[in-house]
Amino acid sequence: MKVLIIGGFSRSLINFRGPLIRAVRDAGHVVVACAGESDERVEETLCQWGVKFYRIRLTRAGMSPFADLLTFFDLFALMRRVRPDVVLTYTIKPVIWGGLAARVAGAPVTHSLITGLGYAFMEAGNARQRLASMVATKLYKISLRYSRTVFFQNPDDLELFVNRQLVLEAQTRLLNGSGVDLIHYPVTPLPVSPVFLFIGRLLVDKGIQEYVAAIRIVRSDGKSNAAILVGASDPNPSSVKQSEIQEWSKEGIVDYRGELGDVRPVLAECSVYVLPSYREGTPRTVLEAMAMGRPIITTDVPGCRETVKLTAKGMDQRKNSESIMEGENGFLVRPRDAASVATAMRMFIDNPALISDMGQRSREIAEEKYDVHKINAVILEALGLV
């Protein structure tokens, strides 16, 4: 069969869907991929894998009806040209416009992967955000009715879509995130002194400001630690200004490394991975850190809470609405609360043995739950490719 995979930007085809693309190819199918940005290295890699790449006009952020119509027409034209047997879409605009284009172009089978809800579904939004949510909700409802399977990466997103009647429960399938390649992300030795790390797009809703504020709090107590920040600017309306990032770097609050093509070296430098996000699908960087044997500090919100396995004590702390919850492989903290992030950081600084113990448990959980090959096997079965 011929399988068309549609993503938001080309690098995600390699970084996030590479193992899936190769699994589809290795199952004996022809793979065609498309995305909204072209990257020469990505195209070369896909070509080596025997995958044809097409660039479409797609802006990942923004609400321009004209730009979105161009996306729809490009996808329609591509499908009429390629004639895929199966279409798999992921991220917001490919899911919406790819689903609609597949229906109009007569593609036999479409499947959708909801990797996160993004800006439009964040709580406590402004007027622009509420408008984006209303538009996205209506478009999702129209597009997803044509999907044979709608994959979700956490139970909260699945429940939200079912409750809003955007999908039928019978359409849905729950995955443990996108998975992680346990060989590509091996366990590495821990540094001697505590080093904290944040990796992600430089967005307010990733919790980057809480990360920086927590570091300030910890250092005001006289605690010694290093803190690394990795990530690139983003066209999203909630993006943090580069000038603010540079100011943090000049102050010495964080060691800003910019955007990295390979995060394994910087993960090897860190002791503890921190992601105080407001909401995720399942954060890929957390899974990568877990695979490399790092404990996690993240928030008790959809997508993040699943990555930390709470102890009995942590479950009681959650029931009592405490700001920090103990896990076997890290700590969950209250969202939008820098003080709780700082408290979790202090736990690791004051009790360094926790780092190795919880880091080992992170790797075990990654092997048990997040092995990319196990997750891809579920996807291939649902797509009818095995």
Protein backbone atom coordinates (compact mmCIF):
# COMPACT_ATOMS: atom_id res chain seq x y z
CA MET A 1 0.00 0.00 0.00
CA LYS A 2 0.98 3.64 -0.43
CA VAL A 3 0.98 5.61 2.83
CA LEU A 4 1.01 9.42 2.95
CA ILE A 5 2.27 10.94 6.23
CA ILE A 6 1.57 14.65 6.74
CA GLY A 7 3.36 16.72 9.41
CA GLY A 8 3.68 20.36 10.34
CA PHE A 9 7.41 20.84 9.69
CA SER A 10 9.90 18.65 7.91
CA ARG A 11 12.33 18.00 10.77
CA SER A 12 9.54 16.37 12.78
CA LEU A 13 9.35 13.67 10.11
CA ILE A 14 12.85 12.58 11.13
CA ASN A 15 12.97 13.55 14.81
CA PHE A 16 9.48 12.46 15.86
CA ARG A 17 8.19 10.09 13.15
CA GLY A 18 11.43 8.61 11.83
CA PRO A 19 11.04 5.21 13.55
CA LEU A 20 7.39 5.03 12.43
CA ILE A 21 8.25 5.87 8.81
CA ARG A 22 10.93 3.18 8.76
CA ALA A 23 8.56 0.68 10.38
CA VAL A 24 5.94 1.31 7.67
CA ARG A 25 8.61 0.96 4.97
CA ASP A 26 10.01 -2.21 6.53
CA ALA A 27 6.49 -3.68 6.56
CA GLY A 28 6.64 -3.53 2.75
CA HIS A 29 4.72 -0.33 2.03
CA VAL A 30 5.54 2.77 -0.03
CA VAL A 31 5.86 5.90 2.12
CA VAL A 32 5.32 9.46 0.90
CA ALA A 33 5.82 12.35 3.35
CA CYS A 34 5.00 16.03 3.24
CA ALA A 35 5.34 19.02 5.54
CA GLY A 36 5.23 22.78 5.54
CA GLU A 37 8.93 23.53 5.64
CA SER A 38 11.70 22.18 3.49
CA ASP A 39 15.06 21.12 4.94
CA GLU A 40 17.80 19.79 2.68
CA ARG A 41 19.17 17.40 5.32
CA VAL A 42 15.71 16.02 6.01
CA GLU A 43 15.05 15.47 2.32
CA GLU A 44 18.40 13.68 1.95
CA THR A 45 17.62 11.42 4.91
CA LEU A 46 14.15 10.60 3.65
CA CYS A 47 15.57 9.87 0.22
CA GLN A 48 18.06 7.44 1.79
CA TRP A 49 15.09 5.73 3.46
CA GLY A 50 13.34 5.46 0.10
CA VAL A 51 10.72 8.07 1.02
CA LYS A 52 9.56 10.76 -1.39
CA PHE A 53 9.13 14.20 0.22
CA TYR A 54 6.81 17.01 -0.92
CA ARG A 55 6.72 20.51 0.51
CA ILE A 56 3.34 22.17 0.99
CA ARG A 57 2.42 25.73 1.90
CA LEU A 58 1.65 25.53 5.62
CA THR A 59 2.12 28.03 8.42
CA ARG A 60 2.15 26.28 11.79
CA ALA A 61 0.93 29.38 13.66
CA GLY A 62 -1.59 32.05 12.72
CA MET A 63 -5.22 32.15 11.71
CA SER A 64 -5.11 33.47 8.16
CA PRO A 65 -8.01 31.96 6.18
CA PHE A 66 -6.15 32.60 2.92
CA ALA A 67 -3.01 30.79 4.12
CA ASP A 68 -5.09 27.87 5.37
CA LEU A 69 -6.90 27.63 2.05
CA LEU A 70 -3.54 27.37 0.30
CA THR A 71 -2.67 24.51 2.67
CA PHE A 72 -5.92 22.76 1.83
CA PHE A 73 -5.46 23.14 -1.93
CA ASP A 74 -1.84 21.97 -1.79
CA LEU A 75 -2.87 18.87 0.15
CA PHE A 76 -5.79 18.19 -2.18
CA ALA A 77 -3.52 18.48 -5.24
CA LEU A 78 -0.90 16.25 -3.63
CA MET A 79 -3.42 13.55 -2.82
CA ARG A 80 -4.83 13.60 -6.32
CA ARG A 81 -1.28 13.23 -7.62
CA VAL A 82 -0.02 10.57 -5.18
CA ARG A 83 -3.28 8.60 -4.77
CA PRO A 84 -2.47 7.22 -1.30
CA ASP A 85 -4.24 4.19 0.11
CA VAL A 86 -3.76 5.41 3.68
CA VAL A 87 -3.28 8.94 5.04
CA LEU A 88 -1.85 9.65 8.51
CA THR A 89 -1.87 13.24 9.75
CA TYR A 90 -0.37 14.74 12.92
CA THR A 91 -0.28 18.20 14.57
CA ILE A 92 -3.19 20.61 14.39
CA LYS A 93 -3.24 22.04 10.87
CA PRO A 94 -2.26 18.82 9.07
CA VAL A 95 -4.99 16.98 11.01
CA ILE A 96 -7.64 19.56 10.13
CA TRP A 97 -6.75 20.40 6.54
CA GLY A 98 -5.27 17.01 5.71
CA GLY A 99 -8.44 15.30 6.89
CA LEU A 100 -10.67 17.57 4.82
CA ALA A 101 -8.43 17.34 1.75
CA ALA A 102 -8.39 13.55 2.00
CA ARG A 103 -12.16 13.47 2.05
CA VAL A 104 -12.53 15.74 -0.99
CA ALA A 105 -9.70 14.00 -2.90
CA GLY A 106 -11.25 10.59 -2.29
CA ALA A 107 -8.43 9.08 -0.21
CA PRO A 108 -9.80 5.72 0.99
CA VAL A 109 -8.63 5.75 4.62
CA THR A 110 -7.52 8.58 6.93
CA HIS A 111 -6.11 8.35 10.44
CA SER A 112 -5.26 11.28 12.74
CA LEU A 113 -2.74 11.62 15.55
CA ILE A 114 -3.44 14.30 18.17
CA THR A 115 0.01 15.13 19.56
CA GLY A 116 -1.16 18.01 21.75
CA LEU A 117 -3.79 20.73 21.83
CA GLY A 118 -1.52 23.76 21.71
CA TYR A 119 -2.23 27.47 22.05
CA ALA A 120 -5.92 27.30 21.13
CA PHE A 121 -6.84 25.04 24.04
CA MET A 122 -4.84 26.63 26.87
CA GLU A 123 -6.87 27.64 29.91
CA ALA A 124 -7.45 31.25 30.96
CA GLY A 125 -6.96 32.52 27.45
CA ASN A 126 -7.41 36.03 26.08
CA ALA A 127 -9.92 36.98 23.37
CA ARG A 128 -7.56 35.87 20.59
CA GLN A 129 -7.04 32.52 22.27
CA ARG A 130 -10.77 31.98 22.82
CA LEU A 131 -11.41 32.74 19.14
CA ALA A 132 -8.67 30.30 18.13
CA SER A 133 -10.23 27.65 20.35
CA MET A 134 -13.69 28.18 18.87
CA VAL A 135 -12.41 27.96 15.30
CA ALA A 136 -10.20 24.94 16.00
CA THR A 137 -13.06 23.13 17.73
CA LYS A 138 -15.40 23.59 14.78
CA LEU A 139 -12.77 22.55 12.24
CA TYR A 140 -11.73 19.51 14.28
CA LYS A 141 -15.35 18.39 14.47
CA ILE A 142 -15.75 18.57 10.70
CA SER A 143 -12.41 17.00 9.83
CA LEU A 144 -12.22 14.19 12.40
CA ARG A 145 -15.55 12.67 11.43
CA TYR A 146 -13.76 11.24 8.38
CA SER A 147 -10.90 9.65 10.38
CA ARG A 148 -11.10 5.92 10.88
CA THR A 149 -8.81 6.17 13.91
CA VAL A 150 -7.98 9.19 16.05
CA PHE A 151 -4.92 8.50 18.19
CA PHE A 152 -4.38 10.38 21.45
CA GLN A 153 -1.26 10.60 23.58
CA ASN A 154 -2.93 11.07 26.94
CA PRO A 155 -6.35 10.21 28.41
CA ASP A 156 -7.26 13.82 29.23
CA ASP A 157 -7.13 14.93 25.58
CA LEU A 158 -9.13 11.87 24.55
CA GLU A 159 -11.80 12.60 27.15
CA LEU A 160 -11.98 16.27 26.16
CA PHE A 161 -12.54 15.45 22.48
CA VAL A 162 -15.19 12.85 23.30
CA ASN A 163 -16.99 15.15 25.74
CA ARG A 164 -17.02 17.99 23.20
CA GLN A 165 -18.35 15.53 20.62
CA LEU A 166 -15.41 16.13 18.31
CA VAL A 167 -14.93 12.37 17.95
CA LEU A 168 -16.84 9.20 18.74
CA GLU A 169 -15.28 7.10 21.46
CA ALA A 170 -15.27 4.16 19.04
CA GLN A 171 -12.87 6.11 16.79
CA THR A 172 -10.27 6.67 19.48
CA ARG A 173 -7.07 4.85 20.39
CA LEU A 174 -4.81 5.80 23.30
CA LEU A 175 -1.03 5.68 22.84
CA ASN A 176 1.82 6.15 25.32
CA GLY A 177 3.08 9.21 23.48
CA SER A 178 5.26 8.99 20.40
CA GLY A 179 7.67 6.68 22.18
CA VAL A 180 11.43 6.87 22.40
CA ASP A 181 14.21 4.89 20.73
CA LEU A 182 15.93 3.27 23.71
CA ILE A 183 19.06 2.44 21.71
CA HIS A 184 19.43 5.96 20.29
CA TYR A 185 18.98 7.42 23.80
CA PRO A 186 21.17 5.24 26.07
CA VAL A 187 21.81 5.70 29.78
CA THR A 188 24.86 7.92 30.39
CA PRO A 189 26.82 8.71 33.58
CA LEU A 190 25.47 11.45 35.83
CA PRO A 191 27.48 14.62 36.45
CA VAL A 192 29.05 15.08 39.90
CA SER A 193 27.16 18.30 40.75
CA PRO A 194 23.44 18.94 40.17
CA VAL A 195 22.67 20.31 36.72
CA PHE A 196 19.09 21.15 35.67
CA LEU A 197 17.94 21.22 32.06
CA PHE A 198 14.97 22.55 30.12
CA ILE A 199 14.49 21.74 26.42
CA GLY A 200 11.59 23.04 24.38
CA ARG A 201 10.16 25.70 22.16
CA LEU A 202 10.55 29.05 23.90
CA LEU A 203 6.88 29.44 24.77
CA VAL A 204 5.22 30.76 27.90
CA ASP A 205 2.98 27.68 28.07
CA LYS A 206 6.03 25.38 28.17
CA GLY A 207 6.71 26.80 31.65
CA ILE A 208 9.97 28.45 30.71
CA GLN A 209 9.32 31.45 32.96
CA GLU A 210 8.57 29.20 35.93
CA TYR A 211 11.83 27.33 35.23
CA VAL A 212 13.84 30.55 35.33
CA ALA A 213 11.98 31.88 38.38
CA ALA A 214 12.60 28.58 40.23
CA ILE A 215 16.32 28.83 39.54
CA ARG A 216 16.32 32.35 41.00
CA ILE A 217 14.53 31.09 44.13
CA VAL A 218 16.96 28.20 44.63
CA ARG A 219 19.98 30.44 44.23
CA SER A 220 18.55 33.04 46.61
CA ASP A 221 18.66 30.30 49.25
CA GLY A 222 22.36 29.89 48.64
CA LYS A 223 22.01 26.56 46.81
CA SER A 224 24.61 25.90 44.14
CA ASN A 225 23.51 24.45 40.83
CA ALA A 226 23.89 24.84 37.08
CA ALA A 227 20.90 25.38 34.79
CA ILE A 228 20.83 24.87 31.04
CA LEU A 229 18.20 26.15 28.61
CA VAL A 230 17.80 24.74 25.10
CA GLY A 231 15.27 25.80 22.49
CA ALA A 232 14.42 27.99 19.53
CA SER A 233 12.07 30.90 19.01
CA ASP A 234 8.65 30.09 17.61
CA PRO A 235 6.02 32.03 15.61
CA ASN A 236 3.41 31.05 18.22
CA PRO A 237 1.70 34.07 19.90
CA SER A 238 2.86 32.83 23.32
CA SER A 239 6.54 32.85 22.33
CA VAL A 240 9.00 34.40 24.80
CA LYS A 241 11.04 37.23 23.31
CA GLN A 242 14.63 36.48 22.35
CA SER A 243 15.71 39.65 24.16
CA GLU A 244 14.36 38.21 27.42
CA ILE A 245 16.19 34.94 26.86
CA GLN A 246 19.43 36.81 26.17
CA GLU A 247 18.97 38.86 29.34
CA TRP A 248 18.64 35.67 31.43
CA SER A 249 21.80 34.40 29.82
CA LYS A 250 23.73 37.64 30.50
CA GLU A 251 22.63 37.52 34.14
CA GLY A 252 24.02 34.02 34.41
CA ILE A 253 20.64 32.58 35.43
CA VAL A 254 20.77 30.03 32.62
CA ASP A 255 23.31 28.70 30.19
CA TYR A 256 21.40 29.24 26.94
CA ARG A 257 22.46 26.87 24.17
CA GLY A 258 19.97 27.87 21.45
CA GLU A 259 18.46 25.19 19.22
CA LEU A 260 20.27 21.85 19.00
CA GLY A 261 19.95 19.28 16.24
CA ASP A 262 20.91 16.49 18.65
CA VAL A 263 19.92 16.83 22.32
CA ARG A 264 21.73 13.71 23.56
CA PRO A 265 24.97 15.51 24.52
CA VAL A 266 23.14 18.12 26.60
CA LEU A 267 20.95 15.45 28.23
CA ALA A 268 24.19 13.68 29.18
CA GLU A 269 25.36 16.92 30.84
CA CYS A 270 22.30 17.23 33.08
CA SER A 271 21.30 15.54 36.34
CA VAL A 272 17.60 16.39 36.34
CA TYR A 273 15.24 17.26 33.49
CA VAL A 274 12.65 19.99 34.19
CA LEU A 275 9.52 20.76 32.14
CA PRO A 276 6.95 22.93 33.98
CA SER A 277 4.56 22.87 31.00
CA TYR A 278 0.90 23.94 31.17
CA ARG A 279 -0.29 21.06 28.96
CA GLU A 280 1.20 18.53 26.52
CA GLY A 281 0.30 15.56 24.37
CA THR A 282 3.15 13.54 25.82
CA PRO A 283 6.39 15.55 25.92
CA ARG A 284 9.01 13.88 23.77
CA THR A 285 11.92 15.53 25.59
CA VAL A 286 10.77 14.04 28.89
CA LEU A 287 10.78 10.56 27.34
CA GLU A 288 14.28 11.13 25.95
CA ALA A 289 15.52 12.26 29.37
CA MET A 290 13.92 9.23 31.01
CA ALA A 291 15.54 6.89 28.49
CA MET A 292 18.95 8.37 29.35
CA GLY A 293 18.37 7.74 33.05
CA ARG A 294 17.39 11.20 34.28
CA PRO A 295 14.79 11.96 36.95
CA ILE A 296 11.98 14.32 36.01
CA ILE A 297 10.38 17.45 37.44
CA THR A 298 7.19 18.22 35.57
CA THR A 299 3.66 19.45 36.19
CA ASP A 300 0.50 17.64 37.23
CA VAL A 301 -1.26 18.46 33.95
CA PRO A 302 -2.48 16.41 30.97
CA GLY A 303 0.35 14.73 29.09
CA CYS A 304 3.00 15.47 31.73
CA ARG A 305 1.50 13.72 34.74
CA GLU A 306 1.64 10.34 33.00
CA THR A 307 5.46 10.45 32.80
CA VAL A 308 6.00 10.43 36.58
CA LYS A 309 4.75 7.36 38.44
CA LEU A 310 3.55 8.55 41.82
CA THR A 311 4.37 6.69 45.03
CA ALA A 312 1.69 6.06 47.67
CA LYS A 313 2.94 9.20 49.40
CA GLY A 314 2.66 11.13 46.16
CA MET A 315 -0.93 9.95 45.65
CA ASP A 316 -1.82 11.22 49.12
CA GLN A 317 -0.10 14.53 48.37
CA ARG A 318 -2.22 14.87 45.23
CA LYS A 319 -5.43 14.08 47.17
CA ASN A 320 -4.47 16.76 49.70
CA SER A 321 -3.81 19.27 46.87
CA GLU A 322 -0.20 19.73 47.91
CA SER A 323 2.10 21.65 45.59
CA ILE A 324 4.63 18.86 45.13
CA MET A 325 3.98 15.12 44.66
CA GLU A 326 6.59 12.42 45.12
CA GLY A 327 7.11 9.94 42.30
CA GLU A 328 9.25 6.88 41.76
CA ASN A 329 11.18 8.67 38.99
CA GLY A 330 10.82 12.33 39.92
CA PHE A 331 8.32 14.88 41.19
CA LEU A 332 5.08 16.34 39.91
CA VAL A 333 4.49 19.98 40.80
CA ARG A 334 1.59 22.38 40.63
CA PRO A 335 1.35 24.16 37.24
CA ARG A 336 2.23 27.86 36.94
CA ASP A 337 3.96 27.67 40.34
CA ALA A 338 7.68 28.47 40.32
CA ALA A 339 7.93 27.94 44.09
CA SER A 340 6.89 24.30 43.78
CA VAL A 341 9.44 23.77 40.97
CA ALA A 342 12.10 25.27 43.25
CA THR A 343 11.06 22.95 46.10
CA ALA A 344 11.50 19.92 43.83
CA MET A 345 14.91 21.21 42.71
CA ARG A 346 15.99 21.57 46.35
CA MET A 347 15.00 17.94 46.98
CA PHE A 348 17.59 16.81 44.46
CA ILE A 349 20.26 19.27 45.63
CA ASP A 350 19.84 18.27 49.29
CA ASN A 351 19.44 14.54 48.56
CA PRO A 352 21.77 13.74 45.62
CA ALA A 353 21.17 9.99 46.02
CA LEU A 354 17.66 10.60 44.71
CA ILE A 355 19.11 11.55 41.34
CA SER A 356 20.63 8.14 40.61
CA ASP A 357 17.77 6.17 42.21
CA MET A 358 14.99 8.05 40.42
CA GLY A 359 17.00 8.21 37.21
CA GLN A 360 17.31 4.44 37.16
CA ARG A 361 13.56 4.14 37.65
CA SER A 362 13.01 6.59 34.75
CA ARG A 363 14.89 4.26 32.43
CA GLU A 364 12.88 1.27 33.64
CA ILE A 365 9.59 3.09 33.01
CA ALA A 366 10.81 4.13 29.55
CA GLU A 367 11.53 0.49 28.75
CA GLU A 368 8.22 -0.73 30.16
CA LYS A 369 5.90 1.93 28.74
CA TYR A 370 7.51 4.17 26.13
CA ASP A 371 9.55 1.91 23.83
CA VAL A 372 8.95 3.38 20.36
CA HIS A 373 8.81 -0.06 18.73
CA LYS A 374 5.93 -1.13 20.96
CA ILE A 375 4.00 2.06 20.18
CA ASN A 376 4.64 1.86 16.44
CA ALA A 377 3.40 -1.72 16.42
CA VAL A 378 0.07 -0.48 17.80
CA ILE A 379 -0.13 2.25 15.12
CA LEU A 380 0.70 -0.11 12.24
CA GLU A 381 -1.93 -2.57 13.43
CA ALA A 382 -4.58 0.16 13.63
CA LEU A 383 -3.63 1.42 10.15
CA GLY A 384 -4.01 -2.07 8.74
CA LEU A 385 -0.38 -2.23 7.63
CA VAL A 386 0.57 -5.53 9.29
